[in-house]
N, C-alpha and C. Protein backbone atom coordinates (compact mmCIF):
# COMPACT_ATOMS: atom_id res chain seq x y z
N MET A 1 37.38 -2.35 -30.21
CA MET A 1 36.51 -1.70 -29.24
C MET A 1 36.91 -0.23 -29.11
N LYS A 2 35.94 0.59 -28.91
CA LYS A 2 36.19 2.02 -28.71
C LYS A 2 36.93 2.23 -27.40
N PRO A 3 37.71 3.30 -27.30
CA PRO A 3 38.46 3.55 -26.06
C PRO A 3 37.53 3.93 -24.90
N VAL A 4 38.03 3.77 -23.72
CA VAL A 4 37.37 4.28 -22.52
C VAL A 4 37.93 5.68 -22.29
N TYR A 5 37.04 6.65 -22.15
CA TYR A 5 37.48 8.01 -21.84
C TYR A 5 37.72 8.12 -20.33
N VAL A 6 38.90 8.54 -19.96
CA VAL A 6 39.23 8.84 -18.56
C VAL A 6 39.33 10.36 -18.50
N ILE A 7 38.31 10.98 -17.93
CA ILE A 7 38.17 12.44 -17.96
C ILE A 7 38.41 12.99 -16.56
N ASN A 8 39.31 13.96 -16.49
CA ASN A 8 39.70 14.57 -15.22
C ASN A 8 39.39 16.05 -15.24
N GLY A 9 38.82 16.53 -14.15
CA GLY A 9 38.40 17.92 -14.05
C GLY A 9 39.43 18.86 -13.47
N PRO A 10 38.95 20.00 -12.97
CA PRO A 10 39.83 21.11 -12.58
C PRO A 10 40.80 20.76 -11.46
N ASN A 11 41.96 21.32 -11.61
CA ASN A 11 43.07 21.25 -10.64
C ASN A 11 43.76 19.89 -10.58
N LEU A 12 43.26 18.91 -11.30
CA LEU A 12 43.95 17.61 -11.29
C LEU A 12 45.27 17.67 -12.02
N ASN A 13 45.47 18.68 -12.84
CA ASN A 13 46.78 18.90 -13.46
C ASN A 13 47.83 19.30 -12.41
N MET A 14 47.39 19.63 -11.23
CA MET A 14 48.30 20.02 -10.15
C MET A 14 48.60 18.87 -9.17
N LEU A 15 48.20 17.65 -9.53
CA LEU A 15 48.49 16.51 -8.67
C LEU A 15 49.99 16.42 -8.41
N GLY A 16 50.33 16.04 -7.20
CA GLY A 16 51.72 15.97 -6.79
C GLY A 16 52.17 17.26 -6.11
N LEU A 17 51.51 18.36 -6.43
CA LEU A 17 51.82 19.66 -5.83
C LEU A 17 50.71 20.11 -4.88
N ARG A 18 49.48 19.86 -5.26
CA ARG A 18 48.32 20.35 -4.51
C ARG A 18 47.97 19.40 -3.37
N GLU A 19 48.04 19.89 -2.16
CA GLU A 19 47.64 19.15 -0.97
C GLU A 19 48.02 17.67 -1.03
N PRO A 20 49.32 17.36 -1.06
CA PRO A 20 49.72 15.96 -1.16
C PRO A 20 49.22 15.10 0.01
N ASP A 21 48.92 15.72 1.15
CA ASP A 21 48.37 14.96 2.27
C ASP A 21 46.95 14.48 1.98
N VAL A 22 46.25 15.14 1.06
CA VAL A 22 44.90 14.76 0.67
C VAL A 22 44.92 13.93 -0.62
N TYR A 23 45.68 14.39 -1.62
CA TYR A 23 45.63 13.80 -2.95
C TYR A 23 46.82 12.91 -3.28
N GLY A 24 47.81 12.86 -2.41
CA GLY A 24 48.98 12.04 -2.66
C GLY A 24 50.03 12.78 -3.46
N LYS A 25 51.13 12.11 -3.73
CA LYS A 25 52.26 12.72 -4.42
C LYS A 25 52.34 12.33 -5.89
N GLU A 26 51.46 11.41 -6.31
CA GLU A 26 51.47 10.98 -7.71
C GLU A 26 51.02 12.14 -8.61
N THR A 27 51.73 12.33 -9.71
CA THR A 27 51.37 13.37 -10.67
C THR A 27 50.29 12.85 -11.62
N LEU A 28 49.69 13.77 -12.37
CA LEU A 28 48.70 13.37 -13.36
C LEU A 28 49.34 12.48 -14.42
N ALA A 29 50.57 12.79 -14.83
CA ALA A 29 51.27 11.95 -15.80
C ALA A 29 51.49 10.54 -15.24
N GLY A 30 51.83 10.45 -13.97
CA GLY A 30 51.99 9.14 -13.33
C GLY A 30 50.68 8.38 -13.27
N LEU A 31 49.62 9.09 -12.97
CA LEU A 31 48.30 8.47 -12.92
C LEU A 31 47.88 7.98 -14.31
N GLU A 32 48.17 8.78 -15.32
CA GLU A 32 47.86 8.36 -16.69
C GLU A 32 48.62 7.08 -17.05
N GLU A 33 49.90 7.02 -16.73
CA GLU A 33 50.70 5.83 -17.03
C GLU A 33 50.13 4.61 -16.30
N ARG A 34 49.75 4.78 -15.05
CA ARG A 34 49.14 3.70 -14.27
C ARG A 34 47.87 3.19 -14.97
N CYS A 35 47.04 4.12 -15.42
CA CYS A 35 45.79 3.77 -16.11
C CYS A 35 46.06 3.05 -17.42
N ARG A 36 47.05 3.51 -18.16
CA ARG A 36 47.38 2.88 -19.45
C ARG A 36 47.85 1.43 -19.25
N ARG A 37 48.69 1.22 -18.24
CA ARG A 37 49.16 -0.13 -17.95
C ARG A 37 48.00 -1.06 -17.58
N LYS A 38 47.12 -0.57 -16.71
CA LYS A 38 45.97 -1.37 -16.26
C LYS A 38 45.05 -1.68 -17.43
N ALA A 39 44.73 -0.67 -18.23
CA ALA A 39 43.83 -0.86 -19.37
C ALA A 39 44.44 -1.85 -20.36
N GLN A 40 45.72 -1.69 -20.66
CA GLN A 40 46.39 -2.58 -21.60
C GLN A 40 46.33 -4.02 -21.12
N ALA A 41 46.53 -4.23 -19.83
CA ALA A 41 46.48 -5.59 -19.27
C ALA A 41 45.11 -6.23 -19.46
N LEU A 42 44.08 -5.39 -19.57
CA LEU A 42 42.71 -5.91 -19.76
C LEU A 42 42.26 -5.85 -21.22
N GLY A 43 43.16 -5.43 -22.11
CA GLY A 43 42.82 -5.34 -23.52
C GLY A 43 41.99 -4.13 -23.88
N LEU A 44 42.06 -3.09 -23.06
CA LEU A 44 41.32 -1.86 -23.31
C LEU A 44 42.26 -0.75 -23.76
N ASP A 45 41.72 0.16 -24.53
CA ASP A 45 42.43 1.39 -24.88
C ASP A 45 41.77 2.51 -24.12
N ILE A 46 42.56 3.52 -23.71
CA ILE A 46 41.97 4.67 -23.03
C ILE A 46 42.36 5.97 -23.74
N SER A 47 41.50 6.94 -23.56
CA SER A 47 41.78 8.31 -23.96
C SER A 47 41.76 9.12 -22.68
N PHE A 48 42.92 9.53 -22.21
CA PHE A 48 43.10 10.18 -20.92
C PHE A 48 43.13 11.68 -21.13
N ARG A 49 42.24 12.41 -20.45
CA ARG A 49 42.09 13.84 -20.67
C ARG A 49 41.93 14.59 -19.35
N GLN A 50 42.33 15.87 -19.37
CA GLN A 50 42.14 16.75 -18.22
C GLN A 50 41.86 18.15 -18.71
N SER A 51 40.91 18.80 -18.05
CA SER A 51 40.63 20.20 -18.34
C SER A 51 40.16 20.91 -17.08
N ASN A 52 40.49 22.18 -17.00
CA ASN A 52 39.97 23.03 -15.94
C ASN A 52 38.68 23.73 -16.36
N ILE A 53 38.24 23.48 -17.59
CA ILE A 53 37.11 24.20 -18.18
C ILE A 53 35.88 23.29 -18.22
N GLU A 54 34.84 23.70 -17.53
CA GLU A 54 33.61 22.90 -17.44
C GLU A 54 33.04 22.56 -18.81
N GLY A 55 32.96 23.54 -19.70
CA GLY A 55 32.40 23.31 -21.02
C GLY A 55 33.18 22.29 -21.83
N GLU A 56 34.49 22.25 -21.65
CA GLU A 56 35.30 21.26 -22.35
C GLU A 56 34.98 19.85 -21.84
N LEU A 57 34.78 19.71 -20.53
CA LEU A 57 34.40 18.42 -19.97
C LEU A 57 33.06 17.97 -20.53
N VAL A 58 32.10 18.89 -20.60
CA VAL A 58 30.78 18.59 -21.17
C VAL A 58 30.93 18.14 -22.63
N SER A 59 31.75 18.84 -23.40
CA SER A 59 31.95 18.47 -24.81
C SER A 59 32.56 17.08 -24.93
N TRP A 60 33.52 16.75 -24.08
CA TRP A 60 34.12 15.41 -24.13
C TRP A 60 33.10 14.33 -23.77
N ILE A 61 32.25 14.60 -22.79
CA ILE A 61 31.21 13.64 -22.41
C ILE A 61 30.25 13.44 -23.57
N GLN A 62 29.87 14.52 -24.23
CA GLN A 62 28.99 14.41 -25.39
C GLN A 62 29.67 13.63 -26.52
N GLU A 63 30.94 13.90 -26.75
CA GLU A 63 31.71 13.18 -27.76
C GLU A 63 31.77 11.69 -27.45
N ALA A 64 31.92 11.37 -26.16
CA ALA A 64 32.07 9.98 -25.73
C ALA A 64 30.86 9.13 -26.08
N ARG A 65 29.71 9.75 -26.16
CA ARG A 65 28.47 9.01 -26.46
C ARG A 65 28.65 8.14 -27.71
N ASN A 66 29.34 8.64 -28.71
CA ASN A 66 29.55 7.89 -29.95
C ASN A 66 30.97 7.37 -30.12
N ALA A 67 31.93 7.97 -29.43
CA ALA A 67 33.34 7.66 -29.68
C ALA A 67 33.98 6.76 -28.63
N ALA A 68 33.30 6.54 -27.51
CA ALA A 68 33.90 5.78 -26.41
C ALA A 68 33.02 4.60 -26.02
N SER A 69 33.63 3.62 -25.37
CA SER A 69 32.86 2.48 -24.86
C SER A 69 32.43 2.70 -23.41
N GLY A 70 33.03 3.67 -22.74
CA GLY A 70 32.68 3.99 -21.36
C GLY A 70 33.41 5.24 -20.92
N ILE A 71 33.00 5.76 -19.75
CA ILE A 71 33.60 6.97 -19.19
C ILE A 71 33.99 6.70 -17.74
N ILE A 72 35.22 7.04 -17.42
CA ILE A 72 35.66 7.14 -16.02
C ILE A 72 35.85 8.63 -15.78
N LEU A 73 35.12 9.17 -14.83
CA LEU A 73 35.09 10.61 -14.63
C LEU A 73 35.45 11.00 -13.21
N ASN A 74 36.49 11.82 -13.10
CA ASN A 74 36.77 12.55 -11.87
C ASN A 74 36.49 14.01 -12.20
N ALA A 75 35.27 14.44 -11.95
CA ALA A 75 34.87 15.81 -12.27
C ALA A 75 35.43 16.81 -11.26
N ALA A 76 36.14 16.32 -10.25
CA ALA A 76 36.76 17.17 -9.22
C ALA A 76 35.71 18.12 -8.64
N ALA A 77 36.02 19.38 -8.51
CA ALA A 77 35.09 20.33 -7.88
C ALA A 77 33.77 20.43 -8.62
N TYR A 78 33.79 20.19 -9.93
CA TYR A 78 32.52 20.24 -10.69
C TYR A 78 31.56 19.13 -10.29
N THR A 79 32.06 18.10 -9.62
CA THR A 79 31.19 17.04 -9.09
C THR A 79 30.08 17.64 -8.26
N HIS A 80 30.43 18.66 -7.49
CA HIS A 80 29.52 19.22 -6.48
C HIS A 80 28.73 20.42 -6.98
N THR A 81 28.99 20.84 -8.22
CA THR A 81 28.37 22.09 -8.69
C THR A 81 27.75 22.01 -10.08
N SER A 82 28.09 21.02 -10.88
CA SER A 82 27.77 21.10 -12.31
C SER A 82 26.54 20.30 -12.73
N ILE A 83 25.46 21.01 -12.91
CA ILE A 83 24.27 20.41 -13.50
C ILE A 83 24.52 20.13 -14.97
N ALA A 84 25.35 20.94 -15.62
CA ALA A 84 25.67 20.73 -17.03
C ALA A 84 26.36 19.37 -17.24
N ILE A 85 27.29 19.01 -16.38
CA ILE A 85 27.95 17.71 -16.48
C ILE A 85 26.94 16.60 -16.20
N HIS A 86 26.12 16.77 -15.20
CA HIS A 86 25.05 15.80 -14.90
C HIS A 86 24.19 15.56 -16.13
N ASP A 87 23.73 16.64 -16.76
CA ASP A 87 22.84 16.52 -17.92
C ASP A 87 23.55 15.84 -19.10
N ALA A 88 24.82 16.14 -19.33
CA ALA A 88 25.57 15.49 -20.40
C ALA A 88 25.72 13.99 -20.14
N LEU A 89 25.98 13.63 -18.89
CA LEU A 89 26.12 12.22 -18.54
C LEU A 89 24.81 11.46 -18.71
N LYS A 90 23.70 12.12 -18.45
CA LYS A 90 22.38 11.47 -18.57
C LYS A 90 22.13 10.96 -19.98
N VAL A 91 22.67 11.62 -20.98
CA VAL A 91 22.41 11.21 -22.36
C VAL A 91 23.58 10.43 -22.96
N ALA A 92 24.61 10.15 -22.19
CA ALA A 92 25.79 9.45 -22.72
C ALA A 92 25.46 8.03 -23.18
N GLN A 93 24.64 7.32 -22.46
CA GLN A 93 24.20 5.97 -22.81
C GLN A 93 25.35 4.97 -22.94
N ILE A 94 26.39 5.18 -22.16
CA ILE A 94 27.50 4.23 -22.04
C ILE A 94 27.83 4.12 -20.55
N PRO A 95 28.54 3.07 -20.14
CA PRO A 95 28.87 2.91 -18.73
C PRO A 95 29.69 4.10 -18.20
N ILE A 96 29.37 4.52 -16.98
CA ILE A 96 30.03 5.66 -16.34
C ILE A 96 30.44 5.25 -14.93
N ILE A 97 31.70 5.47 -14.60
CA ILE A 97 32.20 5.26 -13.25
C ILE A 97 32.72 6.60 -12.74
N GLU A 98 32.22 7.03 -11.61
CA GLU A 98 32.70 8.24 -10.94
C GLU A 98 33.85 7.85 -10.02
N VAL A 99 34.93 8.62 -10.06
CA VAL A 99 36.09 8.31 -9.23
C VAL A 99 36.61 9.60 -8.60
N HIS A 100 37.08 9.46 -7.36
CA HIS A 100 37.73 10.56 -6.63
C HIS A 100 38.93 9.99 -5.89
N LEU A 101 40.01 10.73 -5.88
CA LEU A 101 41.20 10.29 -5.17
C LEU A 101 40.98 10.25 -3.66
N SER A 102 40.33 11.27 -3.14
CA SER A 102 40.07 11.34 -1.70
C SER A 102 38.67 10.82 -1.40
N ASN A 103 38.43 10.53 -0.14
CA ASN A 103 37.09 10.15 0.29
C ASN A 103 36.30 11.44 0.52
N ILE A 104 35.45 11.75 -0.43
CA ILE A 104 34.72 13.03 -0.38
C ILE A 104 33.80 13.11 0.83
N TYR A 105 33.45 11.98 1.43
CA TYR A 105 32.56 11.97 2.59
C TYR A 105 33.29 12.20 3.91
N LYS A 106 34.62 12.24 3.87
CA LYS A 106 35.41 12.56 5.06
C LYS A 106 35.91 14.01 5.00
N ARG A 107 35.41 14.75 4.01
CA ARG A 107 35.88 16.11 3.80
C ARG A 107 34.76 17.10 4.12
N GLU A 108 34.90 18.31 3.64
CA GLU A 108 33.94 19.36 3.93
C GLU A 108 32.53 18.94 3.49
N PRO A 109 31.52 19.35 4.24
CA PRO A 109 30.14 18.96 3.91
C PRO A 109 29.71 19.30 2.47
N PHE A 110 30.21 20.40 1.91
CA PHE A 110 29.79 20.75 0.54
C PHE A 110 30.26 19.72 -0.47
N ARG A 111 31.26 18.90 -0.11
CA ARG A 111 31.75 17.86 -1.02
C ARG A 111 30.93 16.57 -0.93
N HIS A 112 29.99 16.50 -0.01
CA HIS A 112 29.23 15.27 0.18
C HIS A 112 28.14 15.08 -0.87
N HIS A 113 27.80 16.11 -1.61
CA HIS A 113 26.79 15.98 -2.66
C HIS A 113 27.47 15.89 -4.02
N SER A 114 27.00 14.93 -4.82
CA SER A 114 27.54 14.75 -6.16
C SER A 114 26.42 14.82 -7.19
N TYR A 115 26.63 15.63 -8.22
CA TYR A 115 25.72 15.66 -9.35
C TYR A 115 26.04 14.53 -10.34
N VAL A 116 27.18 13.87 -10.15
CA VAL A 116 27.59 12.78 -11.03
C VAL A 116 26.99 11.44 -10.56
N SER A 117 26.99 11.20 -9.27
CA SER A 117 26.58 9.89 -8.73
C SER A 117 25.22 9.40 -9.22
N PRO A 118 24.20 10.24 -9.31
CA PRO A 118 22.89 9.72 -9.74
C PRO A 118 22.87 9.16 -11.16
N VAL A 119 23.85 9.51 -11.98
CA VAL A 119 23.87 9.03 -13.36
C VAL A 119 25.04 8.08 -13.62
N ALA A 120 25.79 7.74 -12.58
CA ALA A 120 26.94 6.83 -12.72
C ALA A 120 26.52 5.40 -12.39
N ASP A 121 27.21 4.45 -13.01
CA ASP A 121 26.98 3.04 -12.71
C ASP A 121 27.62 2.65 -11.38
N GLY A 122 28.65 3.40 -10.98
CA GLY A 122 29.33 3.13 -9.73
C GLY A 122 30.19 4.31 -9.33
N VAL A 123 30.55 4.33 -8.04
CA VAL A 123 31.34 5.43 -7.48
C VAL A 123 32.48 4.84 -6.67
N LEU A 124 33.69 5.35 -6.90
CA LEU A 124 34.86 4.96 -6.12
C LEU A 124 35.50 6.22 -5.55
N CYS A 125 35.74 6.23 -4.25
CA CYS A 125 36.42 7.38 -3.67
C CYS A 125 37.26 6.94 -2.48
N GLY A 126 38.36 7.65 -2.29
CA GLY A 126 39.20 7.42 -1.13
C GLY A 126 40.33 6.44 -1.32
N PHE A 127 40.53 5.91 -2.52
CA PHE A 127 41.57 4.92 -2.76
C PHE A 127 42.78 5.48 -3.49
N GLY A 128 42.85 6.81 -3.62
CA GLY A 128 43.96 7.41 -4.35
C GLY A 128 43.96 6.95 -5.79
N GLY A 129 45.14 6.84 -6.37
CA GLY A 129 45.27 6.41 -7.75
C GLY A 129 44.75 5.01 -8.00
N GLN A 130 44.74 4.17 -6.98
CA GLN A 130 44.22 2.81 -7.13
C GLN A 130 42.74 2.85 -7.52
N GLY A 131 42.03 3.90 -7.13
CA GLY A 131 40.62 4.03 -7.50
C GLY A 131 40.42 4.03 -9.00
N TYR A 132 41.35 4.64 -9.73
CA TYR A 132 41.26 4.64 -11.19
C TYR A 132 41.43 3.23 -11.73
N GLU A 133 42.36 2.47 -11.16
CA GLU A 133 42.54 1.08 -11.59
C GLU A 133 41.29 0.26 -11.31
N LEU A 134 40.69 0.48 -10.15
CA LEU A 134 39.44 -0.22 -9.81
C LEU A 134 38.32 0.18 -10.77
N ALA A 135 38.31 1.46 -11.17
CA ALA A 135 37.30 1.93 -12.13
C ALA A 135 37.51 1.27 -13.49
N ILE A 136 38.75 1.09 -13.91
CA ILE A 136 39.03 0.40 -15.17
C ILE A 136 38.57 -1.05 -15.08
N ASP A 137 38.82 -1.71 -13.94
CA ASP A 137 38.31 -3.07 -13.73
C ASP A 137 36.79 -3.09 -13.86
N ALA A 138 36.13 -2.13 -13.24
CA ALA A 138 34.66 -2.07 -13.26
C ALA A 138 34.12 -1.86 -14.67
N ILE A 139 34.71 -0.93 -15.40
CA ILE A 139 34.29 -0.69 -16.79
C ILE A 139 34.50 -1.96 -17.62
N HIS A 140 35.64 -2.61 -17.44
CA HIS A 140 35.93 -3.85 -18.17
C HIS A 140 34.85 -4.90 -17.87
N GLU A 141 34.50 -5.05 -16.62
CA GLU A 141 33.48 -6.02 -16.21
C GLU A 141 32.13 -5.69 -16.85
N ILE A 142 31.73 -4.43 -16.82
CA ILE A 142 30.46 -4.01 -17.41
C ILE A 142 30.47 -4.29 -18.92
N LEU A 143 31.55 -3.93 -19.58
CA LEU A 143 31.62 -4.12 -21.04
C LEU A 143 31.64 -5.61 -21.40
N THR A 144 32.31 -6.42 -20.59
CA THR A 144 32.36 -7.86 -20.83
C THR A 144 30.96 -8.46 -20.70
N LYS A 145 30.21 -8.05 -19.70
CA LYS A 145 28.86 -8.56 -19.51
C LYS A 145 27.94 -8.13 -20.64
N LYS A 146 28.14 -6.91 -21.16
CA LYS A 146 27.33 -6.42 -22.28
C LYS A 146 27.54 -7.27 -23.53
N LYS A 147 28.79 -7.70 -23.74
CA LYS A 147 29.14 -8.52 -24.91
C LYS A 147 28.49 -9.89 -24.84
N GLY A 148 28.57 -10.47 -23.63
CA GLY A 148 28.26 -11.87 -23.45
C GLY A 148 26.84 -12.20 -23.32
């Protein structure tokens, strides 16, 4: 089976340093290890990526259309601003789960709108790193149903 792309947007490379009261103390490397363990337990492979560059995220989403079995996306701030990411996701034609470490609906009003949600199969927010594990469970469930 093709890997699941776990794509992380801007500033997530600063996890553990940036606003730990909002995002927690877990680093991106720790989050990646957590995701790898969870995926392995379910028989999935992941390709874990992070970029601060919008165009790179778009390119990875486009690549995923043929190279991945699904996408777990934390577009971070681009969630609220990027029509380009929205448009790339629309043509991906694979399962998409949107994930956020914090509950975006308990934060500033500008964070309440997502350009990702309308094209995602599901949205998880507010569960910290556990949200990524839940997203891996969700992708696994979707892929299992597609097979069967």
